[in-house]
């Protein structure tokens, strides 16, 4: 029986007892030492013997909790011969795969600084073009970048509090405590992508669809600095890797669909729209059907979410780009705006009116005539809004020369639609600024076509007379009913 126990103890560990590099799991080791020239990373834990020091596979991430880590500094690139720099680059990438716990600023300060200095060295090496990276080094670098940036994002503030968090722009932005390392990793990726030494045909093996998807997932980060880097990097990837362009557009599409129809929560919609604004600007004419469908199915429905104020400026820019490239899309865009027009949100309504002015400025007469009736019915309701900023913004449309020229050409249709709203403002709107602007618009129509104005005035007077007469009849009928009810009550007594 004793011999059996001895044999079992001497048995080699099974595959299930090893990690991806043939080593025992961290939780089952006494010590693990990855020795590469002048760097040694050691983990002290519990378990079996250490693996061979010749193992140069990427070391596992370190949380900084259970394990104690000691890192010896690697030499700088300038301190080694040119022939050894590629190998040193590989070692530095492997060391930078280690991740640290930044929740405690006093924990493992020396090791964190060593990693930061190694990252600085890697960035400088790629940026300076000191030597073209070998394919294996490029692959190792992308693996290291992936280990560092592709992580579980912390819960958003609304997940902590359960609130809607619609006014997130007024709150202090979340800043990732590990940014001192993350920034350098992002900078390294950016320098690699933009470098003239980076061959797109080779790099696309490492910066593949899976990598791009994970990069897009990071756009939901609450840290604005991270989203800014992601925006720049993804835009550069789109420019350098033509093979990825349709995939990137489709992946962004899917993020928008999920945001519009499922979650209505995402931190990076504005940055993604900024990238798309530049992409749309480069679309060739005539526009492909795919791009028009993207406008109708993704961009226009982005007016639906409550949090539109967070990204409206970027969205509006994308919409205007489409209309400027193809004037025939103006009718589609305006009808889309009317479809998603807010009913009770005056702040959102003011944003829509601002965007509408920009769209109308790029609209030609033919497209304007197709949508002017439903459009000015909506504008007439905005003119009478009790929220003075909404009414004011609607009246500002008449300050735009191009819009006024379109209105003048179609005054026979438009003036009857808005005349009553103008008269109601003159007679009863509480805000003096709105009252003054309404008087100016009214005067503009009068000078534009006095005969039409008088006719509308006459029709309005007749309508008011009918309304007053109907009100009198209603009051008379009500009095008769009251009198009849009183008489009946008297008879009962």
Protein backbone atom coordinates (compact mmCIF):
# COMPACT_ATOMS: atom_id res chain seq x y z
CA UNK A 1 0.00 0.00 0.00
CA UNK A 2 2.85 2.39 0.88
CA UNK A 3 4.54 1.70 -2.48
CA UNK A 4 1.32 2.68 -4.33
CA UNK A 5 1.24 6.07 -2.58
CA UNK A 6 4.90 6.68 -3.43
CA UNK A 7 4.29 5.87 -7.11
CA UNK A 8 1.29 8.22 -7.23
CA UNK A 9 3.35 11.04 -5.70
CA UNK A 10 6.05 10.55 -8.36
CA UNK A 11 3.56 10.54 -11.23
CA UNK A 12 3.75 13.43 -13.80
CA UNK A 13 0.91 15.94 -13.70
CA UNK A 14 -1.89 15.32 -16.20
CA UNK A 15 -2.90 17.80 -18.92
CA UNK A 16 -5.80 18.94 -16.80
CA UNK A 17 -3.33 19.92 -14.08
CA UNK A 18 -1.32 22.22 -16.35
CA UNK A 19 -1.87 25.62 -17.90
CA UNK A 20 -1.74 26.48 -21.61
CA UNK A 21 2.07 26.44 -21.58
CA UNK A 22 2.56 23.05 -19.94
CA UNK A 23 3.09 24.56 -16.47
CA UNK A 24 1.26 23.73 -13.25
CA UNK A 25 -1.51 26.19 -12.40
CA UNK A 26 -0.47 29.21 -10.36
CA UNK A 27 -2.53 28.09 -7.40
CA UNK A 28 -0.62 24.78 -7.31
CA UNK A 29 2.98 26.03 -7.43
CA UNK A 30 5.62 26.81 -4.86
CA UNK A 31 7.33 29.20 -7.23
CA UNK A 32 7.25 30.07 -10.89
CA UNK A 33 10.17 31.83 -12.46
CA UNK A 34 10.21 33.16 -16.00
CA UNK A 35 13.81 34.06 -16.66
CA UNK A 36 14.67 35.96 -19.82
CA UNK A 37 18.11 37.52 -19.76
CA UNK A 38 17.89 40.37 -17.25
CA UNK A 39 14.24 39.94 -16.27
CA UNK A 40 12.93 37.57 -13.65
CA UNK A 41 9.29 37.43 -12.61
CA UNK A 42 8.61 35.25 -9.57
CA UNK A 43 5.31 34.16 -8.01
CA UNK A 44 5.30 32.77 -4.49
CA UNK A 45 2.28 30.57 -3.83
CA UNK A 46 1.47 27.00 -2.78
CA UNK A 47 2.11 23.75 -4.62
CA UNK A 48 4.49 21.89 -6.90
CA UNK A 49 7.95 22.59 -8.25
CA UNK A 50 8.86 25.38 -10.68
CA UNK A 51 8.95 24.83 -14.44
CA UNK A 52 12.03 25.11 -16.58
CA UNK A 53 13.51 28.63 -16.81
CA UNK A 54 13.75 28.16 -20.58
CA UNK A 55 9.99 28.54 -20.94
CA UNK A 56 9.51 31.89 -22.71
CA UNK A 57 5.73 31.68 -23.11
CA UNK A 58 3.62 34.68 -22.06
CA UNK A 59 3.36 34.78 -18.27
CA UNK A 60 -0.07 34.66 -16.68
CA UNK A 61 -1.73 37.89 -15.50
CA UNK A 62 -1.04 38.97 -11.94
CA UNK A 63 -3.84 40.44 -9.90
CA UNK A 64 -1.47 41.53 -7.18
CA UNK A 65 -3.56 39.85 -4.51
CA UNK A 66 -2.37 36.37 -3.53
CA UNK A 67 0.94 36.43 -5.36
CA UNK A 68 4.11 38.35 -4.60
CA UNK A 69 5.90 39.53 -7.73
CA UNK A 70 9.51 40.52 -8.24
CA UNK A 71 10.55 41.95 -11.61
CA UNK A 72 14.12 42.70 -12.60
CA UNK A 73 14.57 45.47 -15.13
CA UNK A 74 15.44 44.63 -18.73
CA UNK A 75 18.14 46.68 -20.48
CA UNK A 76 17.10 49.56 -22.73
CA UNK A 77 17.16 49.03 -26.50
CA UNK A 78 20.02 51.48 -26.93
CA UNK A 79 22.15 49.45 -24.51
CA UNK A 80 22.10 46.24 -26.56
CA UNK A 81 23.48 45.48 -30.02
CA UNK A 82 21.10 45.94 -32.96
CA UNK A 83 21.14 42.18 -33.59
CA UNK A 84 19.64 41.51 -30.14
CA UNK A 85 16.88 44.16 -30.19
CA UNK A 86 14.22 41.94 -31.75
CA UNK A 87 14.75 39.35 -29.02
CA UNK A 88 14.68 42.07 -26.36
CA UNK A 89 11.43 43.39 -27.88
CA UNK A 90 9.91 39.94 -27.42
CA UNK A 91 11.01 39.80 -23.77
CA UNK A 92 9.58 43.23 -23.04
CA UNK A 93 6.25 42.21 -24.57
CA UNK A 94 6.18 39.11 -22.37
CA UNK A 95 6.90 41.14 -19.23
CA UNK A 96 4.15 43.63 -20.14
CA UNK A 97 1.60 40.81 -20.23
CA UNK A 98 1.55 40.99 -16.44
CA UNK A 99 -1.41 42.94 -15.08
CA UNK A 100 -1.50 44.59 -11.68
CA UNK A 101 -4.13 45.59 -9.18
CA UNK A 102 -4.47 49.39 -9.29
CA UNK A 103 -7.16 49.60 -6.63
CA UNK A 104 -4.36 49.93 -4.06
CA UNK A 105 -1.86 52.61 -5.13
CA UNK A 106 0.71 51.42 -2.58
CA UNK A 107 0.75 47.81 -3.73
CA UNK A 108 3.65 46.61 -5.95
CA UNK A 109 4.72 50.15 -6.86
CA UNK A 110 8.17 49.09 -8.11
CA UNK A 111 6.82 46.34 -10.38
CA UNK A 112 4.20 48.68 -11.86
CA UNK A 113 6.86 51.26 -12.65
CA UNK A 114 9.06 48.62 -14.32
CA UNK A 115 6.16 47.61 -16.56
CA UNK A 116 5.43 51.26 -17.36
CA UNK A 117 9.05 51.88 -18.37
CA UNK A 118 9.02 48.76 -20.57
CA UNK A 119 5.86 50.04 -22.29
CA UNK A 120 7.51 53.42 -22.85
CA UNK A 121 10.46 51.64 -24.45
CA UNK A 122 8.16 49.59 -26.73
CA UNK A 123 6.31 52.72 -27.86
CA UNK A 124 9.55 54.54 -28.61
CA UNK A 125 10.93 51.54 -30.49
CA UNK A 126 7.88 51.26 -32.78
CA UNK A 127 7.54 55.02 -33.22
CA UNK A 128 11.21 55.61 -34.08
CA UNK A 129 11.26 52.90 -36.73
CA UNK A 130 14.55 51.61 -35.27
CA UNK A 131 13.93 48.24 -36.84
CA UNK A 132 11.12 46.53 -38.71
CA UNK A 133 9.41 44.08 -36.38
CA UNK A 134 9.50 40.40 -37.24
CA UNK A 135 6.15 38.69 -37.78
CA UNK A 136 6.51 36.70 -34.57
CA UNK A 137 7.21 39.90 -32.63
CA UNK A 138 4.20 41.60 -34.19
CA UNK A 139 2.06 38.66 -33.13
CA UNK A 140 3.49 38.71 -29.60
CA UNK A 141 2.92 42.46 -29.33
CA UNK A 142 -0.74 42.17 -30.38
CA UNK A 143 -1.19 39.36 -27.84
CA UNK A 144 0.26 41.59 -25.13
CA UNK A 145 -1.98 44.49 -26.19
CA UNK A 146 -5.01 42.20 -26.13
CA UNK A 147 -4.20 40.95 -22.62
CA UNK A 148 -4.04 44.53 -21.35
CA UNK A 149 -6.95 46.30 -23.04
CA UNK A 150 -9.54 43.55 -23.57
CA UNK A 151 -10.95 43.25 -20.08
CA UNK A 152 -14.26 43.30 -18.24
CA UNK A 153 -15.32 46.90 -17.85
CA UNK A 154 -16.46 48.00 -14.38
CA UNK A 155 -20.22 48.43 -13.85
CA UNK A 156 -21.60 51.75 -15.10
CA UNK A 157 -22.80 54.32 -12.58
CA UNK A 158 -26.47 53.56 -13.36
CA UNK A 159 -25.81 49.90 -12.48
CA UNK A 160 -24.54 50.96 -9.05
CA UNK A 161 -27.44 53.29 -8.29
CA UNK A 162 -30.22 51.87 -10.45
CA UNK A 163 -30.92 55.37 -11.80
CA UNK A 164 -31.50 56.26 -15.42
CA UNK A 165 -28.43 58.52 -15.40
CA UNK A 166 -29.77 60.75 -18.18
CA UNK A 167 -27.62 63.66 -17.05
CA UNK A 168 -24.32 61.77 -17.13
CA UNK A 169 -22.60 64.67 -18.92
CA UNK A 170 -23.03 66.76 -15.74
CA UNK A 171 -21.33 64.18 -13.51
CA UNK A 172 -17.63 63.64 -13.01
CA UNK A 173 -16.37 61.14 -15.62
CA UNK A 174 -15.00 57.81 -14.44
CA UNK A 175 -11.20 57.62 -14.72
CA UNK A 176 -9.62 54.17 -14.89
CA UNK A 177 -6.95 53.83 -12.16
CA UNK A 178 -4.77 51.70 -14.46
CA UNK A 179 -4.60 54.46 -17.10
CA UNK A 180 -0.84 55.00 -16.61
CA UNK A 181 -0.36 51.55 -18.22
CA UNK A 182 -3.43 51.49 -20.47
CA UNK A 183 -2.53 54.76 -22.17
CA UNK A 184 0.88 53.43 -23.18
CA UNK A 185 -0.63 50.18 -24.49
CA UNK A 186 -3.10 52.16 -26.61
CA UNK A 187 -0.30 54.45 -27.76
CA UNK A 188 1.73 51.39 -28.80
CA UNK A 189 -1.19 50.01 -30.81
CA UNK A 190 -1.76 53.39 -32.47
CA UNK A 191 1.91 53.76 -33.41
CA UNK A 192 1.96 50.22 -34.80
CA UNK A 193 -1.13 50.83 -36.96
CA UNK A 194 0.04 54.18 -38.37
CA UNK A 195 3.68 53.14 -38.86
CA UNK A 196 4.88 53.06 -42.47
CA UNK A 197 6.86 49.92 -41.53
CA UNK A 198 3.63 48.04 -40.75
CA UNK A 199 2.60 45.96 -43.75
CA UNK A 200 -1.21 45.75 -43.80
CA UNK A 201 -1.09 42.35 -45.52
CA UNK A 202 0.94 40.91 -42.64
CA UNK A 203 -0.72 42.87 -39.82
CA UNK A 204 -4.25 41.81 -40.83
CA UNK A 205 -3.38 38.31 -39.55
CA UNK A 206 -3.15 39.74 -36.03
CA UNK A 207 -5.54 42.70 -36.30
CA UNK A 208 -8.35 40.45 -37.51
CA UNK A 209 -12.15 40.52 -37.20
CA UNK A 210 -12.03 39.11 -33.69
CA UNK A 211 -9.58 41.83 -32.59
CA UNK A 212 -11.74 44.57 -34.16
CA UNK A 213 -14.89 43.26 -32.44
CA UNK A 214 -13.17 43.28 -29.05
CA UNK A 215 -11.87 46.77 -29.75
CA UNK A 216 -15.44 47.91 -30.48
CA UNK A 217 -16.61 46.35 -27.19
CA UNK A 218 -14.23 48.68 -25.34
CA UNK A 219 -16.10 51.74 -26.66
CA UNK A 220 -18.54 51.21 -23.78
CA UNK A 221 -15.80 52.30 -21.36
CA UNK A 222 -16.81 55.15 -19.05
CA UNK A 223 -13.33 56.67 -19.22
CA UNK A 224 -13.42 59.42 -21.92
CA UNK A 225 -9.64 59.17 -22.40
CA UNK A 226 -9.94 55.52 -23.38
CA UNK A 227 -12.80 56.21 -25.81
CA UNK A 228 -10.74 58.98 -27.42
CA UNK A 229 -7.85 56.58 -28.08
CA UNK A 230 -10.23 53.90 -29.36
CA UNK A 231 -11.82 56.39 -31.74
CA UNK A 232 -8.45 57.37 -33.23
CA UNK A 233 -7.19 53.78 -33.46
CA UNK A 234 -10.35 52.37 -35.07
CA UNK A 235 -10.39 55.20 -37.59
CA UNK A 236 -6.77 54.44 -38.50
CA UNK A 237 -7.51 50.73 -38.79
CA UNK A 238 -10.43 51.55 -41.11
CA UNK A 239 -8.08 53.64 -43.27
CA UNK A 240 -5.20 51.14 -43.38
CA UNK A 241 -7.02 47.80 -43.65
CA UNK A 242 -9.43 48.08 -46.59
CA UNK A 243 -10.40 44.43 -46.17
CA UNK A 244 -11.94 45.25 -42.77
CA UNK A 245 -14.07 48.21 -43.88
CA UNK A 246 -17.40 46.43 -44.59
CA UNK A 247 -16.99 44.39 -41.41
CA UNK A 248 -16.35 47.50 -39.26
CA UNK A 249 -19.42 49.27 -40.69
CA UNK A 250 -21.58 46.20 -40.05
CA UNK A 251 -20.24 45.78 -36.50
CA UNK A 252 -20.97 49.45 -35.67
CA UNK A 253 -24.43 48.93 -37.16
CA UNK A 254 -25.04 46.08 -34.74
CA UNK A 255 -23.94 48.19 -31.77
CA UNK A 256 -26.45 50.87 -32.82
CA UNK A 257 -29.26 48.32 -33.21
CA UNK A 258 -28.62 46.91 -29.75
CA UNK A 259 -28.48 50.42 -28.29
CA UNK A 260 -31.69 51.62 -30.00
CA UNK A 261 -33.91 48.59 -29.57
CA UNK A 262 -32.56 46.85 -26.44
CA UNK A 263 -30.37 48.67 -23.92
CA UNK A 264 -30.50 52.41 -24.76
CA UNK A 265 -27.30 52.58 -22.73
CA UNK A 266 -23.84 52.88 -24.25
CA UNK A 267 -20.99 55.25 -23.45
CA UNK A 268 -19.35 55.33 -26.87
CA UNK A 269 -22.15 56.22 -29.32
CA UNK A 270 -20.76 59.74 -29.81
CA UNK A 271 -17.25 58.48 -30.62
CA UNK A 272 -18.57 55.84 -33.04
CA UNK A 273 -20.62 58.52 -34.81
CA UNK A 274 -17.51 60.71 -35.08
CA UNK A 275 -15.73 57.88 -36.90
CA UNK A 276 -18.75 57.39 -39.15
CA UNK A 277 -18.90 61.10 -39.92
CA UNK A 278 -15.44 60.84 -41.45
CA UNK A 279 -16.30 57.57 -43.22
CA UNK A 280 -19.52 59.00 -44.71
CA UNK A 281 -17.59 62.03 -45.90
CA UNK A 282 -15.45 59.67 -48.00
CA UNK A 283 -18.34 57.74 -49.60
CA UNK A 284 -18.17 57.73 -53.40
CA UNK A 285 -21.08 58.95 -55.50
CA UNK A 286 -23.60 57.71 -56.38
CA UNK A 287 -24.22 56.35 -52.89
CA UNK A 288 -24.50 52.57 -52.60
CA UNK A 289 -27.82 51.09 -51.51
CA UNK A 290 -26.03 49.66 -48.48
CA UNK A 291 -25.17 53.18 -47.28
CA UNK A 292 -28.72 54.47 -47.80
CA UNK A 293 -30.09 51.55 -45.79
CA UNK A 294 -27.62 52.39 -43.03
CA UNK A 295 -29.05 55.93 -42.95
CA UNK A 296 -32.65 54.73 -42.76
CA UNK A 297 -32.21 51.75 -40.43
CA UNK A 298 -29.54 52.97 -38.01
CA UNK A 299 -28.84 56.71 -38.13
CA UNK A 300 -32.42 58.03 -38.29
CA UNK A 301 -33.68 55.65 -35.52
CA UNK A 302 -30.84 56.96 -33.30
CA UNK A 303 -33.17 59.95 -32.75
CA UNK A 304 -35.40 57.68 -30.66
CA UNK A 305 -33.41 57.14 -27.37
CA UNK A 306 -33.88 59.55 -24.48
CA UNK A 307 -30.12 60.11 -24.18
CA UNK A 308 -29.82 61.67 -27.65
CA UNK A 309 -28.40 64.89 -26.16
CA UNK A 310 -25.18 62.93 -25.41
CA UNK A 311 -24.44 62.33 -29.09
CA UNK A 312 -26.80 64.58 -31.07
CA UNK A 313 -24.06 66.84 -32.45
CA UNK A 314 -22.20 63.90 -34.02
CA UNK A 315 -25.44 62.30 -35.25
CA UNK A 316 -26.57 65.55 -36.86
CA UNK A 317 -23.22 65.83 -38.67
CA UNK A 318 -23.60 62.32 -40.12
CA UNK A 319 -27.17 63.05 -41.28
CA UNK A 320 -26.14 66.32 -42.97
CA UNK A 321 -23.29 64.52 -44.75
CA UNK A 322 -25.82 62.19 -46.39
CA UNK A 323 -28.12 65.03 -47.48
CA UNK A 324 -25.22 67.05 -48.90
CA UNK A 325 -24.02 64.04 -50.88
CA UNK A 326 -27.48 63.17 -52.21
CA UNK A 327 -30.15 65.90 -52.09
CA UNK A 328 -32.88 63.35 -52.80
CA UNK A 329 -32.38 61.94 -49.31
CA UNK A 330 -33.66 65.18 -47.70
CA UNK A 331 -37.30 64.03 -47.89
CA UNK A 332 -36.37 60.68 -46.27
CA UNK A 333 -34.46 62.42 -43.46
CA UNK A 334 -37.17 65.01 -42.73
CA UNK A 335 -39.91 62.38 -42.62
CA UNK A 336 -37.66 60.30 -40.35
CA UNK A 337 -37.27 63.26 -37.99
CA UNK A 338 -41.04 63.74 -37.94
CA UNK A 339 -41.52 60.04 -37.16
CA UNK A 340 -39.32 60.25 -34.05
CA UNK A 341 -40.34 63.79 -33.09
CA UNK A 342 -40.58 64.10 -29.28
CA UNK A 343 -44.00 64.71 -27.74
CA UNK A 344 -43.26 65.75 -24.16
CA UNK A 345 -39.49 66.43 -24.13
CA UNK A 346 -38.99 70.13 -24.95
CA UNK A 347 -35.18 69.96 -24.71
CA UNK A 348 -35.12 67.16 -27.28
CA UNK A 349 -37.60 69.07 -29.47
CA UNK A 350 -35.23 72.06 -29.51
CA UNK A 351 -32.39 69.76 -30.68
CA UNK A 352 -34.60 68.42 -33.48
CA UNK A 353 -35.44 71.96 -34.66
CA UNK A 354 -31.73 72.83 -34.80
CA UNK A 355 -30.99 69.72 -36.85
CA UNK A 356 -34.01 70.39 -39.07
CA UNK A 357 -32.63 73.82 -39.95
CA UNK A 358 -29.33 72.28 -41.08
CA UNK A 359 -31.15 69.67 -43.17
CA UNK A 360 -33.40 72.29 -44.79
CA UNK A 361 -30.35 74.39 -45.62
CA UNK A 362 -29.10 71.49 -47.77
CA UNK A 363 -32.56 70.75 -49.24
CA UNK A 364 -33.60 71.65 -52.78
CA UNK A 365 -37.06 72.85 -53.84
CA UNK A 366 -38.25 69.50 -55.26
CA UNK A 367 -37.54 67.54 -52.07
CA UNK A 368 -38.90 70.37 -49.93
CA UNK A 369 -42.27 70.28 -51.71
CA UNK A 370 -42.65 66.56 -50.99
CA UNK A 371 -42.59 66.98 -47.22
CA UNK A 372 -43.57 70.61 -46.56
CA UNK A 373 -47.18 69.92 -45.48
CA UNK A 374 -46.46 67.51 -42.57
CA UNK A 375 -43.31 69.50 -41.77
CA UNK A 376 -45.04 72.87 -41.30
CA UNK A 377 -47.92 71.33 -39.40
CA UNK A 378 -45.30 70.18 -36.91
CA UNK A 379 -43.54 73.58 -36.96
CA UNK A 380 -46.89 75.33 -36.33
CA UNK A 381 -47.33 73.26 -33.15
CA UNK A 382 -43.79 74.19 -32.08
CA UNK A 383 -44.56 77.90 -32.61
CA UNK A 384 -47.28 77.67 -29.96
CA UNK A 385 -45.15 75.68 -27.48
CA UNK A 386 -45.44 77.05 -23.94
CA UNK A 387 -41.71 76.26 -23.57
CA UNK A 388 -40.26 79.54 -24.86
CA UNK A 389 -36.97 78.00 -26.11
CA UNK A 390 -38.84 75.59 -28.39
CA UNK A 391 -41.09 78.35 -29.77
CA UNK A 392 -38.06 80.63 -30.18
CA UNK A 393 -36.05 77.93 -32.01
CA UNK A 394 -38.95 77.31 -34.41
CA UNK A 395 -39.20 81.05 -35.18
CA UNK A 396 -35.44 81.21 -35.84
CA UNK A 397 -36.03 79.13 -38.98
CA UNK A 398 -37.19 82.37 -40.64
CA UNK A 399 -33.73 83.88 -40.03
CA UNK A 400 -32.23 81.46 -42.56
CA UNK A 401 -32.22 82.94 -46.08
CA UNK A 402 -32.34 79.59 -47.89
CA UNK A 403 -35.30 78.38 -45.81
CA UNK A 404 -37.11 81.71 -46.32
CA UNK A 405 -36.61 81.37 -50.09
CA UNK A 406 -38.11 77.85 -50.00
CA UNK A 407 -41.04 79.16 -47.93
CA UNK A 408 -41.55 82.10 -50.31
CA UNK A 409 -41.74 79.78 -53.32
CA UNK A 410 -44.42 77.70 -51.55
CA UNK A 411 -46.13 80.43 -49.51
CA UNK A 412 -49.61 79.52 -50.85
CA UNK A 413 -49.33 76.18 -49.01
CA UNK A 414 -47.22 77.18 -45.99
CA UNK A 415 -48.84 80.43 -44.82
CA UNK A 416 -52.31 78.87 -44.28
CA UNK A 417 -50.63 76.12 -42.21
CA UNK A 418 -48.85 78.50 -39.82
CA UNK A 419 -51.05 81.61 -39.84
CA UNK A 420 -53.26 80.55 -36.95
CA UNK A 421 -50.22 79.66 -34.82
CA UNK A 422 -48.72 83.10 -35.51
CA UNK A 423 -51.95 84.88 -34.58
CA UNK A 424 -52.32 82.83 -31.39
CA UNK A 425 -48.77 83.82 -30.35
CA UNK A 426 -49.49 87.49 -31.00
CA UNK A 427 -52.63 87.35 -28.90
CA UNK A 428 -51.71 85.10 -26.02
CA UNK A 429 -48.07 83.85 -25.76
CA UNK A 430 -46.62 84.68 -22.35
CA UNK A 431 -43.01 85.25 -23.46
CA UNK A 432 -42.10 88.69 -24.84
CA UNK A 433 -39.18 87.42 -26.95
CA UNK A 434 -41.49 84.90 -28.67
CA UNK A 435 -44.07 87.65 -29.12
CA UNK A 436 -41.52 89.90 -30.84
CA UNK A 437 -40.14 87.16 -33.12
CA UNK A 438 -43.68 86.16 -34.12
CA UNK A 439 -44.47 89.76 -35.07
CA UNK A 440 -41.37 89.81 -37.32
CA UNK A 441 -42.37 86.56 -39.09
CA UNK A 442 -45.93 87.81 -39.50
CA UNK A 443 -44.65 91.04 -41.04
CA UNK A 444 -42.34 89.04 -43.36
CA UNK A 445 -45.32 87.08 -44.73
CA UNK A 446 -47.33 90.28 -45.11
CA UNK A 447 -44.56 91.87 -47.21
CA UNK A 448 -44.04 88.62 -49.12
CA UNK A 449 -47.65 88.44 -50.39
CA UNK A 450 -50.13 91.02 -49.05
CA UNK A 451 -53.10 89.56 -50.92
CA UNK A 452 -52.49 86.02 -49.59
CA UNK A 453 -51.94 87.43 -46.10
CA UNK A 454 -55.28 89.27 -46.20
CA UNK A 455 -57.03 86.15 -47.42
CA UNK A 456 -55.54 84.09 -44.57
CA UNK A 457 -56.49 86.84 -42.14
CA UNK A 458 -60.06 86.78 -43.43
CA UNK A 459 -60.25 82.98 -43.14
CA UNK A 460 -58.81 83.16 -39.63
CA UNK A 461 -61.39 85.80 -38.63
CA UNK A 462 -64.21 83.66 -40.04
CA UNK A 463 -62.89 80.61 -38.20
CA UNK A 464 -62.66 82.59 -34.94
CA UNK A 465 -66.21 83.83 -35.48
CA UNK A 466 -67.43 80.25 -35.97
CA UNK A 467 -65.54 79.16 -32.86
CA UNK A 468 -66.99 82.04 -30.82
CA UNK A 469 -70.47 81.28 -32.11
CA UNK A 470 -70.06 77.59 -31.27
CA UNK A 471 -68.88 78.56 -27.78
CA UNK A 472 -71.93 80.78 -27.29
CA UNK A 473 -74.25 78.02 -28.46
CA UNK A 474 -72.52 75.58 -26.12
CA UNK A 475 -72.92 77.97 -23.20
CA UNK A 476 -76.58 78.63 -24.10
CA UNK A 477 -77.31 74.89 -24.31
CA UNK A 478 -75.60 74.34 -20.97
CA UNK A 479 -77.67 77.11 -19.33
CA UNK A 480 -80.88 75.59 -20.68
CA UNK A 481 -79.88 72.23 -19.19
CA UNK A 482 -79.10 73.86 -15.84
CA UNK A 483 -82.43 75.70 -15.87
CA UNK A 484 -84.32 72.53 -16.83
CA UNK A 485 -82.61 70.60 -14.05
CA UNK A 486 -83.45 73.34 -11.55
CA UNK A 487 -87.10 73.37 -12.67
CA UNK A 488 -87.35 69.59 -12.36
CA UNK A 489 -85.88 69.71 -8.88
CA UNK A 490 -88.37 72.41 -7.88
CA UNK A 491 -91.33 70.26 -9.11
CA UNK A 492 -90.08 67.25 -7.11
CA UNK A 493 -90.08 69.32 -3.94
